[in-house]
């Protein structure tokens, strides 16, 4: 599994996940929308930690810096 999530994107994903968690825990977002957002936050956290996003594979996208060594 080749990494396709760069450092800046990891930071953004983790920040969004933290914001969603705070909104849920403070009661701003509740019910079904809150649960859906919590699942999304979990996915953002997981993909940030492993550095791989499966949705990028079919389109060949990557936000990692290219390796300059050949």
N, C-alpha and C. Protein backbone atom coordinates (compact mmCIF):
# COMPACT_ATOMS: atom_id res chain seq x y z
N UNK A 1 0.85 -1.16 0.00
CA UNK A 1 0.00 0.00 0.00
C UNK A 1 0.91 1.24 0.00
N UNK A 2 0.90 1.95 -1.09
CA UNK A 2 1.72 3.14 -1.24
C UNK A 2 1.00 4.34 -0.63
N UNK A 3 1.73 5.13 0.15
CA UNK A 3 1.12 6.30 0.79
C UNK A 3 0.73 7.33 -0.26
N UNK A 4 -0.46 7.92 -0.09
CA UNK A 4 -0.93 8.92 -1.03
C UNK A 4 -1.53 10.15 -0.34
N UNK A 5 -1.29 10.28 0.97
CA UNK A 5 -1.77 11.43 1.73
C UNK A 5 -0.56 12.16 2.29
N UNK A 6 -0.40 13.43 1.90
CA UNK A 6 0.74 14.23 2.34
C UNK A 6 0.57 14.80 3.74
N UNK A 7 1.63 15.40 4.24
CA UNK A 7 1.63 15.92 5.61
C UNK A 7 0.62 17.05 5.83
N UNK A 8 0.49 17.95 4.87
CA UNK A 8 -0.47 19.04 5.03
C UNK A 8 -1.89 18.48 5.07
N UNK A 9 -2.18 17.55 4.20
CA UNK A 9 -3.52 16.95 4.19
C UNK A 9 -3.79 16.17 5.47
N UNK A 10 -2.78 15.50 6.00
CA UNK A 10 -2.94 14.79 7.27
C UNK A 10 -3.35 15.76 8.38
N UNK A 11 -2.67 16.91 8.41
CA UNK A 11 -2.97 17.92 9.43
C UNK A 11 -4.39 18.46 9.27
N UNK A 12 -4.79 18.72 8.04
CA UNK A 12 -6.15 19.22 7.78
C UNK A 12 -7.19 18.18 8.18
N UNK A 13 -6.96 16.93 7.81
CA UNK A 13 -7.92 15.87 8.15
C UNK A 13 -8.05 15.70 9.66
N UNK A 14 -6.92 15.72 10.37
CA UNK A 14 -6.97 15.57 11.83
C UNK A 14 -7.64 16.78 12.48
N UNK A 15 -7.43 17.96 11.94
CA UNK A 15 -8.08 19.16 12.48
C UNK A 15 -9.59 19.09 12.30
N UNK A 16 -10.03 18.68 11.12
CA UNK A 16 -11.46 18.54 10.86
C UNK A 16 -12.08 17.50 11.78
N UNK A 17 -11.37 16.38 11.97
CA UNK A 17 -11.88 15.33 12.85
C UNK A 17 -12.00 15.85 14.29
N UNK A 18 -11.02 16.63 14.74
CA UNK A 18 -11.08 17.18 16.09
C UNK A 18 -12.25 18.16 16.24
N UNK A 19 -12.48 18.98 15.23
CA UNK A 19 -13.59 19.93 15.27
C UNK A 19 -14.93 19.19 15.33
N UNK A 20 -15.07 18.14 14.53
CA UNK A 20 -16.31 17.34 14.54
C UNK A 20 -16.52 16.73 15.91
N UNK A 21 -15.45 16.19 16.50
CA UNK A 21 -15.56 15.57 17.82
C UNK A 21 -16.00 16.59 18.87
N UNK A 22 -15.42 17.78 18.85
CA UNK A 22 -15.80 18.83 19.81
C UNK A 22 -17.26 19.23 19.61
N UNK A 23 -17.67 19.39 18.35
CA UNK A 23 -19.08 19.75 18.08
C UNK A 23 -20.04 18.68 18.59
N UNK A 24 -19.66 17.42 18.45
CA UNK A 24 -20.52 16.34 18.92
C UNK A 24 -20.56 16.30 20.45
N UNK A 25 -19.39 16.41 21.07
CA UNK A 25 -19.33 16.32 22.54
C UNK A 25 -19.99 17.51 23.24
N UNK A 26 -20.03 18.66 22.59
CA UNK A 26 -20.68 19.82 23.19
C UNK A 26 -22.17 19.88 22.88
N UNK A 27 -22.66 18.96 22.06
CA UNK A 27 -24.09 18.90 21.77
C UNK A 27 -24.54 19.80 20.64
N UNK A 28 -23.60 20.39 19.91
CA UNK A 28 -23.97 21.25 18.78
C UNK A 28 -24.53 20.39 17.65
N UNK A 29 -23.93 19.23 17.43
CA UNK A 29 -24.39 18.29 16.40
C UNK A 29 -24.83 17.02 17.12
N UNK A 30 -26.10 16.63 16.93
CA UNK A 30 -26.61 15.44 17.62
C UNK A 30 -27.38 14.56 16.65
N UNK A 31 -27.84 13.44 17.15
CA UNK A 31 -28.68 12.55 16.38
C UNK A 31 -27.93 11.87 15.23
N UNK A 32 -28.69 11.53 14.19
CA UNK A 32 -28.14 10.85 13.02
C UNK A 32 -27.04 11.67 12.34
N UNK A 33 -27.23 12.98 12.13
CA UNK A 33 -26.13 13.75 11.53
C UNK A 33 -24.85 13.70 12.38
N UNK A 34 -25.00 13.71 13.69
CA UNK A 34 -23.85 13.63 14.57
C UNK A 34 -23.11 12.31 14.44
N UNK A 35 -23.88 11.22 14.34
CA UNK A 35 -23.26 9.90 14.18
C UNK A 35 -22.56 9.80 12.84
N UNK A 36 -23.19 10.31 11.80
CA UNK A 36 -22.56 10.28 10.47
C UNK A 36 -21.25 11.08 10.49
N UNK A 37 -21.28 12.25 11.13
CA UNK A 37 -20.06 13.06 11.21
C UNK A 37 -18.99 12.38 12.06
N UNK A 38 -19.38 11.66 13.11
CA UNK A 38 -18.40 10.93 13.91
C UNK A 38 -17.74 9.82 13.09
N UNK A 39 -18.51 9.14 12.27
CA UNK A 39 -17.93 8.12 11.39
C UNK A 39 -16.95 8.76 10.42
N UNK A 40 -17.34 9.90 9.84
CA UNK A 40 -16.46 10.63 8.93
C UNK A 40 -15.18 11.06 9.65
N UNK A 41 -15.30 11.52 10.89
CA UNK A 41 -14.13 11.91 11.67
C UNK A 41 -13.22 10.71 11.92
N UNK A 42 -13.81 9.56 12.17
CA UNK A 42 -13.02 8.34 12.35
C UNK A 42 -12.27 7.95 11.09
N UNK A 43 -12.93 8.09 9.95
CA UNK A 43 -12.28 7.78 8.67
C UNK A 43 -11.15 8.76 8.41
N UNK A 44 -11.39 10.05 8.67
CA UNK A 44 -10.32 11.06 8.50
C UNK A 44 -9.13 10.73 9.39
N UNK A 45 -9.40 10.36 10.64
CA UNK A 45 -8.32 10.04 11.57
C UNK A 45 -7.54 8.82 11.10
N UNK A 46 -8.25 7.78 10.71
CA UNK A 46 -7.60 6.55 10.25
C UNK A 46 -6.74 6.79 9.02
N UNK A 47 -7.30 7.48 8.03
CA UNK A 47 -6.53 7.72 6.81
C UNK A 47 -5.33 8.64 7.06
N UNK A 48 -5.45 9.52 8.04
CA UNK A 48 -4.31 10.38 8.40
C UNK A 48 -3.21 9.57 9.06
N UNK A 49 -3.59 8.67 9.93
CA UNK A 49 -2.59 7.88 10.65
C UNK A 49 -1.85 6.89 9.75
N UNK A 50 -2.56 6.29 8.79
CA UNK A 50 -1.90 5.31 7.92
C UNK A 50 -1.34 5.95 6.66
N UNK A 51 -1.77 7.19 6.35
CA UNK A 51 -1.23 7.90 5.19
C UNK A 51 -1.73 7.39 3.85
N UNK A 52 -2.87 6.74 3.86
CA UNK A 52 -3.42 6.17 2.63
C UNK A 52 -4.92 6.43 2.55
N UNK A 53 -5.37 6.94 1.40
CA UNK A 53 -6.80 7.16 1.16
C UNK A 53 -7.23 6.30 -0.02
N UNK A 54 -8.09 5.30 0.21
CA UNK A 54 -8.49 4.41 -0.88
C UNK A 54 -9.28 5.10 -1.98
N UNK A 55 -9.91 6.24 -1.69
CA UNK A 55 -10.67 6.95 -2.72
C UNK A 55 -9.76 7.59 -3.76
N UNK A 56 -8.49 7.79 -3.42
CA UNK A 56 -7.54 8.39 -4.35
C UNK A 56 -7.04 7.40 -5.40
N UNK A 57 -7.11 6.11 -5.10
CA UNK A 57 -6.54 5.08 -5.98
C UNK A 57 -7.17 5.07 -7.37
N UNK A 58 -8.50 5.04 -7.51
CA UNK A 58 -9.09 4.96 -8.85
C UNK A 58 -8.75 6.15 -9.75
N UNK A 59 -8.56 7.32 -9.15
CA UNK A 59 -8.26 8.49 -9.98
C UNK A 59 -6.76 8.80 -10.02
N UNK A 60 -5.96 8.02 -9.29
CA UNK A 60 -4.52 8.20 -9.31
C UNK A 60 -4.04 9.45 -8.61
N UNK A 61 -4.81 9.96 -7.67
CA UNK A 61 -4.44 11.19 -6.97
C UNK A 61 -3.48 10.91 -5.83
N UNK A 62 -2.67 11.89 -5.51
CA UNK A 62 -1.79 11.84 -4.36
C UNK A 62 -1.47 13.25 -3.90
N UNK A 63 -1.29 13.43 -2.61
CA UNK A 63 -0.88 14.73 -2.11
C UNK A 63 0.51 14.63 -1.47
N UNK A 64 1.16 13.49 -1.66
CA UNK A 64 2.53 13.32 -1.17
C UNK A 64 3.49 14.03 -2.11
N UNK A 65 4.58 14.51 -1.52
CA UNK A 65 5.62 15.09 -2.36
C UNK A 65 6.28 13.99 -3.17
N UNK A 66 6.64 14.30 -4.38
CA UNK A 66 7.28 13.32 -5.24
C UNK A 66 8.70 13.10 -4.79
N UNK A 67 9.12 11.85 -4.86
CA UNK A 67 10.49 11.49 -4.50
C UNK A 67 11.41 11.95 -5.63
N UNK A 68 12.37 12.81 -5.30
CA UNK A 68 13.25 13.34 -6.33
C UNK A 68 14.38 12.37 -6.70
N UNK A 69 14.58 11.34 -5.90
CA UNK A 69 15.62 10.36 -6.21
C UNK A 69 15.09 9.36 -7.25
N UNK A 70 15.90 9.04 -8.21
CA UNK A 70 15.46 8.07 -9.22
C UNK A 70 16.39 6.91 -9.28
